[in-house]
Amino acid sequence: MALRITVIGTGYLGATHAAAMAELGFEVLGLDVVPEKIELLSTGRVPMYEPGLEEMLQRHVAGIEGSTGRLRFTTSWEEVGEFGDVHFVCVNTPQKHGEYACDMSYVDSAFDSLAPHLTRPALVVGKSTVPVGSAARLAARLAELAPAGAGAELAWNPEFLREGFAVNDTLHPDRIVVGVASEGAEKLLREVYAVPVAEGSPFVVTDFPTAELVKTSANSFLATKISFINAMAEVCEAADGDVVKLAEAIGHDDRIGKKFLRAGIGFGGGCLPKDIRAFMARAGELGADQALTFLREVDSINMRRRGHMVELAREAVGGGSFLGRRVAVLGAAFKPDSDDVRDSPALNVAGQIHLQGGQVTVFDPKGMDNARRLFPTLGYADSALEAVRGADVVLHLTEWREFRELDPAELGEVAARRIILDGRNALDSAVWREAGWTYRAMGRPKA
């Protein structure tokens, strides 16, 4: 009999995972406690922008003409318990308010709600990013609350999705990591991921703690690499060096590599910042806080870049003040190909300038609605051209392809002054200068 899969939590991770499991041929039931989200997903639509996700949903959601009908959604825990052989828990683990630590309340609630409905053997698979040690605690909780007792097993299978590439990352992962306590759990997960494994995706089997540490370790390494090149940008500015050429040169070393070596205003989003902070907090609880003290500097460098961009903008408008100055901000999402504005460096910079008296106008190809909800007092335009109209300085803060392909001459016709600050080192400086713009970028010579 074919495995039937449930996905608990249908946010960014859960909706993608549910659709991908259906794409791989499984019967899937998704659960969320928010009825409006279930209603939306049941029509084949998603509450976020992710390339290819809506199309994949519509291929499988029951009731849509021409779909396979393999994917349904519900708010019933009882239905989920009866339906599933493998239950993926994909709920959010945000940063606690006023603390570095991870808020486990959503995960704990999901396990407490699911377990009483597990009346037959089943595998519960955690995908959420959690502090190391959580899986062992949740396994005990599962065995205590589930009528199936020891038949309700736990595994941990961290997610490695990149926003903007989530569909491909789920269907063709660069690695699959499973923390298991039995051969039976490993066998079930090999069955779930049989297609990507057959295509060559590495399948790494570990214990619970190692599986939990993989995601936070990976994110910490990426954050460190980004902050390293941003620290080098600070040195380059002091020494009149060029961080772009520096990054190119060291990137040719295979031990270092070229990826994540673009200096700019730093990282943001719903994962890297909160994950490295939760990692530090958990290390402290374990008595290993000294091992991760370097992450405090990584975090500090990252946050410092935002303030530095504000200073560059203040310098560009002249007079040492933003009062009466118009500032165009190109970008609101924390990265391109996403509408996610959580901890967005672009919006943080825009907000700081606004609080200091600047008249800020923002444009982003996909993140406008989310940006308006988070920063309702900022100005918003319907296009890059309209955002730039009358601006004393233009800030390029999210590296959308659309922005890289802008016509500097056309924008120059509507801007009050042709000054652009490239917060992502992604624009062609020669093209902008040729069109009469003063081009500045972080970590690069002024001329």
Protein backbone atom coordinates (compact mmCIF):
# COMPACT_ATOMS: atom_id res chain seq x y z
CA MET A 1 0.00 0.00 0.00
CA ALA A 2 1.39 3.44 -0.97
CA LEU A 3 2.45 5.80 1.79
CA ARG A 4 0.12 8.66 2.60
CA ILE A 5 1.67 11.91 3.78
CA THR A 6 0.43 14.81 5.87
CA VAL A 7 2.04 18.23 6.20
CA ILE A 8 1.32 20.19 9.37
CA GLY A 9 1.71 23.93 8.93
CA THR A 10 1.15 25.32 5.44
CA GLY A 11 3.25 28.46 5.45
CA TYR A 12 6.18 28.95 3.12
CA LEU A 13 7.89 25.66 4.02
CA GLY A 14 4.75 23.56 4.48
CA ALA A 15 2.91 24.65 1.34
CA THR A 16 6.01 23.97 -0.75
CA HIS A 17 6.63 20.59 0.88
CA ALA A 18 3.00 19.50 0.49
CA ALA A 19 2.91 20.41 -3.20
CA ALA A 20 6.28 18.75 -3.82
CA MET A 21 5.21 15.51 -2.13
CA ALA A 22 2.16 15.43 -4.41
CA GLU A 23 4.44 16.14 -7.37
CA LEU A 24 6.49 13.07 -6.34
CA GLY A 25 3.33 10.96 -6.54
CA PHE A 26 2.08 10.74 -2.94
CA GLU A 27 -1.42 11.29 -1.62
CA VAL A 28 -1.01 14.36 0.62
CA LEU A 29 -3.16 16.09 3.23
CA GLY A 30 -2.07 19.52 4.48
CA LEU A 31 -3.23 20.96 7.80
CA ASP A 32 -3.26 24.47 9.18
CA VAL A 33 -5.07 26.06 12.11
CA VAL A 34 -5.85 29.19 10.06
CA PRO A 35 -9.05 28.47 8.05
CA GLU A 36 -8.42 31.35 5.61
CA LYS A 37 -5.08 29.84 4.64
CA ILE A 38 -6.70 26.45 4.00
CA GLU A 39 -9.44 28.05 1.90
CA LEU A 40 -6.83 29.86 -0.22
CA LEU A 41 -4.64 26.77 -0.73
CA SER A 42 -7.69 24.67 -1.61
CA THR A 43 -8.21 26.93 -4.63
CA GLY A 44 -4.63 26.37 -5.76
CA ARG A 45 -3.37 29.78 -4.63
CA VAL A 46 -0.60 30.65 -2.18
CA PRO A 47 -0.33 33.57 0.29
CA MET A 48 3.28 34.30 -0.72
CA TYR A 49 5.31 34.74 -3.90
CA GLU A 50 7.49 31.76 -4.77
CA PRO A 51 8.35 31.04 -8.42
CA GLY A 52 6.65 27.86 -9.68
CA LEU A 53 4.83 27.02 -6.43
CA GLU A 54 1.33 28.09 -7.45
CA GLU A 55 1.61 26.21 -10.75
CA MET A 56 2.72 23.05 -8.92
CA LEU A 57 -0.15 23.38 -6.44
CA GLN A 58 -2.68 23.71 -9.23
CA ARG A 59 -1.42 20.50 -10.84
CA HIS A 60 -2.41 18.52 -7.76
CA VAL A 61 -5.07 20.24 -5.58
CA ALA A 62 -8.29 18.25 -5.53
CA GLY A 63 -11.24 19.97 -7.19
CA ILE A 64 -9.19 21.91 -9.74
CA GLU A 65 -9.95 20.91 -13.31
CA GLY A 66 -7.19 18.80 -14.81
CA SER A 67 -5.36 18.26 -11.50
CA THR A 68 -4.25 14.87 -10.17
CA GLY A 69 -6.36 15.42 -7.04
CA ARG A 70 -3.54 14.04 -4.88
CA LEU A 71 -3.42 17.09 -2.59
CA ARG A 72 -6.08 18.25 -0.12
CA PHE A 73 -6.14 20.62 2.86
CA THR A 74 -7.94 20.49 6.20
CA THR A 75 -8.15 22.04 9.67
CA SER A 76 -9.02 18.68 11.32
CA TRP A 77 -6.36 16.99 13.47
CA GLU A 78 -8.52 13.88 13.62
CA GLU A 79 -8.59 13.64 9.82
CA VAL A 80 -4.81 14.05 9.68
CA GLY A 81 -4.28 11.31 12.28
CA GLU A 82 -6.48 8.87 10.39
CA PHE A 83 -5.00 9.72 6.98
CA GLY A 84 -1.25 9.80 7.40
CA ASP A 85 1.53 7.23 7.56
CA VAL A 86 4.20 9.95 7.62
CA HIS A 87 3.47 13.34 9.22
CA PHE A 88 5.79 16.27 8.39
CA VAL A 89 5.78 19.10 10.94
CA CYS A 90 6.60 22.36 9.14
CA VAL A 91 5.50 25.06 11.58
CA ASN A 92 7.30 28.31 12.31
CA THR A 93 10.02 28.73 14.95
CA PRO A 94 10.44 32.52 15.31
CA GLN A 95 12.79 34.37 17.62
CA LYS A 96 11.36 34.99 21.08
CA HIS A 97 10.32 38.58 21.69
CA GLY A 98 13.13 40.41 23.49
CA GLU A 99 15.43 37.36 23.49
CA TYR A 100 17.83 35.55 21.17
CA ALA A 101 16.23 32.17 21.88
CA CYS A 102 13.89 30.26 19.57
CA ASP A 103 10.14 30.26 20.28
CA MET A 104 9.13 26.57 20.31
CA SER A 105 5.47 27.17 21.16
CA TYR A 106 4.20 26.43 17.63
CA VAL A 107 6.15 23.18 17.39
CA ASP A 108 5.07 22.07 20.88
CA SER A 109 1.45 22.89 20.09
CA ALA A 110 1.58 20.93 16.83
CA PHE A 111 2.95 17.82 18.58
CA ASP A 112 0.44 18.12 21.44
CA SER A 113 -2.44 18.42 18.94
CA LEU A 114 -1.30 15.62 16.63
CA ALA A 115 -0.17 12.97 19.10
CA PRO A 116 -3.59 12.07 20.62
CA HIS A 117 -4.84 11.19 17.11
CA LEU A 118 -2.02 8.74 16.33
CA THR A 119 -3.87 5.49 17.01
CA ARG A 120 -1.72 3.34 14.70
CA PRO A 121 2.00 3.17 13.88
CA ALA A 122 3.18 6.37 12.17
CA LEU A 123 6.34 8.38 11.62
CA VAL A 124 6.34 12.03 12.66
CA VAL A 125 9.06 14.00 10.87
CA GLY A 126 10.18 17.39 12.13
CA LYS A 127 11.32 19.82 9.43
CA SER A 128 11.26 23.03 11.46
CA THR A 129 14.57 24.57 12.55
CA VAL A 130 14.80 23.88 16.29
CA PRO A 131 17.38 24.15 19.09
CA VAL A 132 19.51 21.02 19.43
CA GLY A 133 17.97 18.69 22.01
CA SER A 134 14.40 19.41 20.96
CA ALA A 135 13.94 16.15 19.04
CA ALA A 136 14.74 13.94 22.02
CA ARG A 137 12.24 15.87 24.15
CA LEU A 138 9.55 15.72 21.46
CA ALA A 139 10.10 11.99 20.89
CA ALA A 140 9.37 11.37 24.56
CA ARG A 141 6.31 13.63 24.41
CA LEU A 142 5.05 11.77 21.34
CA ALA A 143 5.39 8.35 23.00
CA GLU A 144 3.61 9.69 26.09
CA LEU A 145 0.61 11.25 24.31
CA ALA A 146 0.05 8.96 21.31
CA PRO A 147 -2.36 6.01 21.76
CA ALA A 148 0.01 4.06 19.49
CA GLY A 149 2.76 4.50 22.09
CA ALA A 150 6.15 3.41 20.78
CA GLY A 151 4.50 2.89 17.38
CA ALA A 152 4.50 6.68 16.97
CA GLU A 153 8.12 7.31 16.04
CA LEU A 154 10.00 10.55 15.48
CA ALA A 155 12.59 11.55 12.88
CA TRP A 156 14.23 14.89 12.13
CA ASN A 157 14.64 16.02 8.53
CA PRO A 158 15.83 19.65 8.36
CA GLU A 159 14.83 21.82 5.40
CA PHE A 160 17.34 23.67 3.24
CA LEU A 161 15.05 25.78 1.08
CA ARG A 162 16.29 28.97 -0.53
CA GLU A 163 13.51 31.47 -1.08
CA GLY A 164 13.11 31.97 -4.80
CA PHE A 165 14.34 28.42 -5.47
CA ALA A 166 12.17 26.45 -3.03
CA VAL A 167 10.40 24.25 -5.59
CA ASN A 168 13.64 23.06 -7.14
CA ASP A 169 15.31 22.68 -3.73
CA THR A 170 12.49 20.38 -2.57
CA LEU A 171 12.25 18.25 -5.71
CA HIS A 172 16.00 18.15 -6.40
CA PRO A 173 17.72 18.74 -3.03
CA ASP A 174 21.49 19.07 -2.83
CA ARG A 175 21.33 16.78 0.23
CA ILE A 176 18.73 15.00 2.34
CA VAL A 177 19.55 14.75 6.04
CA VAL A 178 17.57 12.46 8.31
CA GLY A 179 18.02 12.06 12.04
CA VAL A 180 16.51 8.72 13.03
CA ALA A 181 16.39 6.36 15.99
CA SER A 182 15.51 3.16 14.09
CA GLU A 183 16.06 1.36 10.80
CA GLY A 184 12.30 1.46 10.22
CA ALA A 185 12.26 5.26 10.27
CA GLU A 186 15.20 5.39 7.87
CA LYS A 187 13.47 2.94 5.52
CA LEU A 188 10.27 5.02 5.45
CA LEU A 189 12.17 8.21 4.66
CA ARG A 190 14.16 6.47 1.91
CA GLU A 191 10.78 5.55 0.42
CA VAL A 192 9.53 9.14 0.68
CA TYR A 193 12.65 10.51 -1.02
CA ALA A 194 13.20 7.62 -3.44
CA VAL A 195 12.92 9.82 -6.55
CA PRO A 196 15.51 12.50 -5.60
CA VAL A 197 17.83 9.85 -4.17
CA ALA A 198 17.63 7.93 -7.46
CA GLU A 199 18.52 11.19 -9.24
CA GLY A 200 21.67 11.48 -7.14
CA SER A 201 20.72 13.55 -4.08
CA PRO A 202 22.97 12.44 -1.17
CA PHE A 203 21.06 10.79 1.69
CA VAL A 204 22.80 11.47 5.01
CA VAL A 205 21.67 9.43 8.04
CA THR A 206 22.47 10.82 11.50
CA ASP A 207 21.28 10.84 15.09
CA PHE A 208 18.81 13.46 16.36
CA PRO A 209 21.30 16.07 17.66
CA THR A 210 23.41 16.06 14.50
CA ALA A 211 20.37 16.47 12.26
CA GLU A 212 19.19 19.41 14.36
CA LEU A 213 22.64 21.02 14.18
CA VAL A 214 23.04 20.73 10.40
CA LYS A 215 20.66 23.57 9.47
CA THR A 216 21.88 26.03 12.10
CA SER A 217 25.50 25.16 11.30
CA ALA A 218 24.93 25.73 7.58
CA ASN A 219 23.18 29.05 8.16
CA SER A 220 25.90 30.15 10.58
CA PHE A 221 28.59 29.38 8.00
CA LEU A 222 26.76 31.31 5.26
CA ALA A 223 26.18 34.26 7.60
CA THR A 224 29.86 34.22 8.55
CA LYS A 225 30.93 34.26 4.90
CA ILE A 226 28.63 37.20 4.10
CA SER A 227 29.80 39.17 7.13
CA PHE A 228 33.43 38.38 6.32
CA ILE A 229 33.24 40.04 2.91
CA ASN A 230 31.31 42.94 4.42
CA ALA A 231 34.08 43.37 7.00
CA MET A 232 36.56 43.40 4.12
CA ALA A 233 34.41 46.10 2.49
CA GLU A 234 34.88 48.25 5.58
CA VAL A 235 38.66 47.79 5.34
CA CYS A 236 38.59 48.50 1.59
CA GLU A 237 36.78 51.78 2.18
CA ALA A 238 39.37 52.79 4.76
CA ALA A 239 42.26 51.80 2.47
CA ASP A 240 40.69 52.92 -0.84
CA GLY A 241 40.59 49.34 -2.10
CA ASP A 242 37.94 47.60 -4.23
CA VAL A 243 36.04 44.82 -2.44
CA VAL A 244 34.54 43.53 -5.70
CA LYS A 245 37.99 42.83 -7.16
CA LEU A 246 39.13 41.47 -3.80
CA ALA A 247 36.18 39.05 -3.72
CA GLU A 248 36.86 37.99 -7.30
CA ALA A 249 40.49 37.26 -6.49
CA ILE A 250 39.93 35.23 -3.34
CA GLY A 251 36.90 33.50 -4.89
CA HIS A 252 39.16 31.75 -7.41
CA ASP A 253 40.58 29.77 -4.49
CA ASP A 254 38.57 26.54 -4.47
CA ARG A 255 38.85 26.36 -0.69
CA ILE A 256 36.95 29.66 -0.45
CA GLY A 257 34.69 29.74 -3.52
CA LYS A 258 32.89 32.64 -5.16
CA LYS A 259 29.40 32.25 -3.68
CA PHE A 260 28.19 34.62 -0.94
CA LEU A 261 31.14 36.97 -1.48
CA ARG A 262 29.18 40.00 -2.74
CA ALA A 263 29.59 42.83 -0.26
CA GLY A 264 26.56 44.98 0.48
CA ILE A 265 24.02 45.87 3.14
CA GLY A 266 24.01 42.33 4.54
CA PHE A 267 21.59 39.48 5.05
CA GLY A 268 18.06 39.43 6.42
CA GLY A 269 14.93 37.33 6.04
CA GLY A 270 13.13 34.91 8.30
CA CYS A 271 16.00 32.39 8.73
CA LEU A 272 19.63 33.53 8.95
CA PRO A 273 19.32 36.30 11.57
CA LYS A 274 17.02 34.43 13.97
CA ASP A 275 18.77 31.08 13.44
CA ILE A 276 22.24 32.31 14.35
CA ARG A 277 20.83 34.09 17.42
CA ALA A 278 18.95 30.99 18.55
CA PHE A 279 22.13 28.95 17.98
CA MET A 280 24.07 31.29 20.29
CA ALA A 281 21.34 31.11 22.92
CA ARG A 282 21.23 27.32 22.84
CA ALA A 283 25.01 27.03 23.00
CA GLY A 284 24.88 29.14 26.15
CA GLU A 285 22.29 26.81 27.69
CA LEU A 286 24.56 23.86 26.91
CA GLY A 287 27.60 25.53 28.45
CA ALA A 288 29.28 25.87 25.04
CA ASP A 289 28.69 29.60 24.58
CA GLN A 290 32.40 30.35 23.96
CA ALA A 291 32.29 28.17 20.85
CA LEU A 292 29.91 30.59 19.16
CA THR A 293 31.00 34.00 20.43
CA PHE A 294 32.25 34.78 16.90
CA LEU A 295 28.60 34.76 15.75
CA ARG A 296 27.98 37.88 17.84
CA GLU A 297 30.48 39.73 15.66
CA VAL A 298 28.95 38.20 12.53
CA ASP A 299 25.57 39.58 13.62
CA SER A 300 27.11 42.93 14.58
CA ILE A 301 28.88 43.38 11.21
CA ASN A 302 25.64 42.53 9.44
CA MET A 303 23.56 45.08 11.34
CA ARG A 304 26.31 47.71 10.99
CA ARG A 305 26.01 47.61 7.20
CA ARG A 306 22.48 48.98 7.35
CA GLY A 307 23.57 51.98 9.38
CA HIS A 308 26.48 52.55 7.02
CA MET A 309 24.13 52.76 4.03
CA VAL A 310 22.07 55.37 5.89
CA GLU A 311 25.28 57.37 6.47
CA LEU A 312 26.23 57.12 2.79
CA ALA A 313 22.77 58.37 1.83
CA ARG A 314 22.99 61.29 4.27
CA GLU A 315 26.38 62.22 2.83
CA ALA A 316 24.98 61.98 -0.71
CA VAL A 317 22.07 64.38 -0.12
CA GLY A 318 24.42 66.94 1.44
CA GLY A 319 23.91 69.16 4.43
CA GLY A 320 24.10 66.32 6.95
CA SER A 321 20.32 65.99 7.16
CA PHE A 322 17.51 64.19 5.35
CA LEU A 323 14.96 66.90 6.11
CA GLY A 324 13.26 67.98 2.91
CA ARG A 325 15.18 65.41 0.86
CA ARG A 326 13.55 62.84 -1.40
CA VAL A 327 15.03 59.33 -1.29
CA ALA A 328 14.11 56.54 -3.73
CA VAL A 329 14.57 52.98 -2.46
CA LEU A 330 14.65 50.21 -5.05
CA GLY A 331 13.84 47.04 -3.15
CA ALA A 332 11.75 45.96 -0.18
CA ALA A 333 12.10 42.16 -0.10
CA PHE A 334 15.11 40.81 1.77
CA LYS A 335 16.26 39.09 -1.45
CA PRO A 336 15.15 38.92 -5.10
CA ASP A 337 12.53 36.43 -6.38
CA SER A 338 10.66 36.66 -3.08
CA ASP A 339 8.01 38.86 -1.47
CA ASP A 340 9.39 38.18 2.03
CA VAL A 341 10.16 41.40 3.89
CA ARG A 342 10.95 39.85 7.29
CA ASP A 343 14.04 41.56 8.73
CA SER A 344 14.66 43.10 5.31
CA PRO A 345 17.83 45.23 5.21
CA ALA A 346 16.24 47.33 2.44
CA LEU A 347 13.18 48.23 4.51
CA ASN A 348 15.29 48.74 7.61
CA VAL A 349 17.38 51.34 5.76
CA ALA A 350 14.25 52.95 4.29
CA GLY A 351 12.67 53.10 7.74
CA GLN A 352 15.75 54.67 9.36
CA ILE A 353 15.91 57.40 6.70
CA HIS A 354 12.18 58.08 7.08
CA LEU A 355 12.54 58.42 10.86
CA GLN A 356 15.34 60.93 10.27
CA GLY A 357 13.07 63.15 8.19
CA GLY A 358 13.62 61.88 4.65
CA GLN A 359 10.75 61.57 2.18
CA VAL A 360 11.19 57.92 1.20
CA THR A 361 9.52 56.25 -1.79
CA VAL A 362 9.89 52.48 -2.18
CA PHE A 363 9.37 50.17 -5.14
CA ASP A 364 9.74 46.38 -5.23
CA PRO A 365 8.49 44.02 -7.97
CA LYS A 366 6.81 41.60 -5.52
CA GLY A 367 7.13 42.83 -1.94
CA MET A 368 4.94 45.95 -1.99
CA ASP A 369 1.88 44.60 -0.16
CA ASN A 370 3.97 43.05 2.63
CA ALA A 371 6.09 46.20 2.90
CA ARG A 372 3.01 48.42 3.22
CA ARG A 373 1.69 46.24 6.05
CA LEU A 374 5.01 46.42 7.91
CA PHE A 375 5.91 50.07 7.16
CA PRO A 376 2.63 51.85 6.36
CA THR A 377 4.14 55.33 6.81
CA LEU A 378 6.65 54.99 3.94
CA GLY A 379 5.79 56.18 0.45
CA TYR A 380 5.28 53.58 -2.29
CA ALA A 381 5.39 53.82 -6.08
CA ASP A 382 4.02 51.57 -8.82
CA SER A 383 7.31 51.42 -10.74
CA ALA A 384 11.00 52.11 -10.38
CA LEU A 385 10.58 55.16 -12.61
CA GLU A 386 7.89 56.63 -10.34
CA ALA A 387 9.94 55.89 -7.22
CA VAL A 388 12.92 57.77 -8.69
CA ARG A 389 10.87 60.77 -9.87
CA GLY A 390 12.12 63.88 -8.04
CA ALA A 391 14.63 61.91 -5.93
CA ASP A 392 17.79 63.52 -4.56
CA VAL A 393 19.40 60.10 -4.21
CA VAL A 394 18.51 56.57 -5.37
CA LEU A 395 19.31 53.53 -3.21
CA HIS A 396 19.54 50.10 -4.89
CA LEU A 397 18.94 47.69 -1.99
CA THR A 398 17.49 44.42 -3.40
CA GLU A 399 19.21 42.90 -6.42
CA TRP A 400 16.23 42.16 -8.65
CA ARG A 401 17.08 41.51 -12.30
CA GLU A 402 14.54 44.20 -13.17
CA PHE A 403 16.72 46.76 -11.39
CA ARG A 404 19.91 45.56 -13.06
CA GLU A 405 18.20 46.07 -16.43
CA LEU A 406 16.95 49.62 -15.75
CA ASP A 407 17.87 52.34 -18.24
CA PRO A 408 19.98 54.89 -16.29
CA ALA A 409 19.36 57.57 -18.92
CA GLU A 410 15.58 57.21 -18.60
CA LEU A 411 15.75 57.37 -14.82
CA GLY A 412 18.08 60.35 -15.03
CA GLU A 413 15.40 62.32 -16.86
CA VAL A 414 13.05 62.16 -13.85
CA ALA A 415 15.49 62.22 -10.90
CA ALA A 416 16.23 65.54 -9.21
CA ARG A 417 19.90 64.56 -8.91
CA ARG A 418 21.72 61.68 -10.58
CA ILE A 419 23.20 59.98 -7.53
CA ILE A 420 22.84 56.24 -7.01
CA LEU A 421 24.10 54.18 -4.08
CA ASP A 422 24.41 50.49 -4.95
CA GLY A 423 23.82 48.62 -1.72
CA ARG A 424 24.29 45.25 -3.42
CA ASN A 425 27.27 45.84 -5.71
CA ALA A 426 25.13 44.42 -8.51
CA LEU A 427 24.79 47.29 -11.00
CA ASP A 428 27.16 48.04 -13.87
CA SER A 429 28.97 51.12 -12.58
CA ALA A 430 30.36 52.06 -16.02
CA VAL A 431 26.88 52.14 -17.59
CA TRP A 432 25.48 54.38 -14.83
CA ARG A 433 28.46 56.75 -14.86
CA GLU A 434 28.28 57.01 -18.64
CA ALA A 435 24.65 58.17 -18.25
CA GLY A 436 25.82 60.98 -15.98
CA TRP A 437 25.18 59.38 -12.59
CA THR A 438 27.41 59.61 -9.56
CA TYR A 439 27.75 55.94 -8.64
CA ARG A 440 28.78 54.80 -5.15
CA ALA A 441 28.92 51.27 -3.78
CA MET A 442 29.98 49.82 -0.44
CA GLY A 443 33.64 48.86 -0.25
CA ARG A 444 34.59 50.44 -3.57
CA PRO A 445 36.54 53.57 -4.60
CA LYS A 446 34.44 56.69 -5.10
CA ALA A 447 35.49 57.16 -8.72
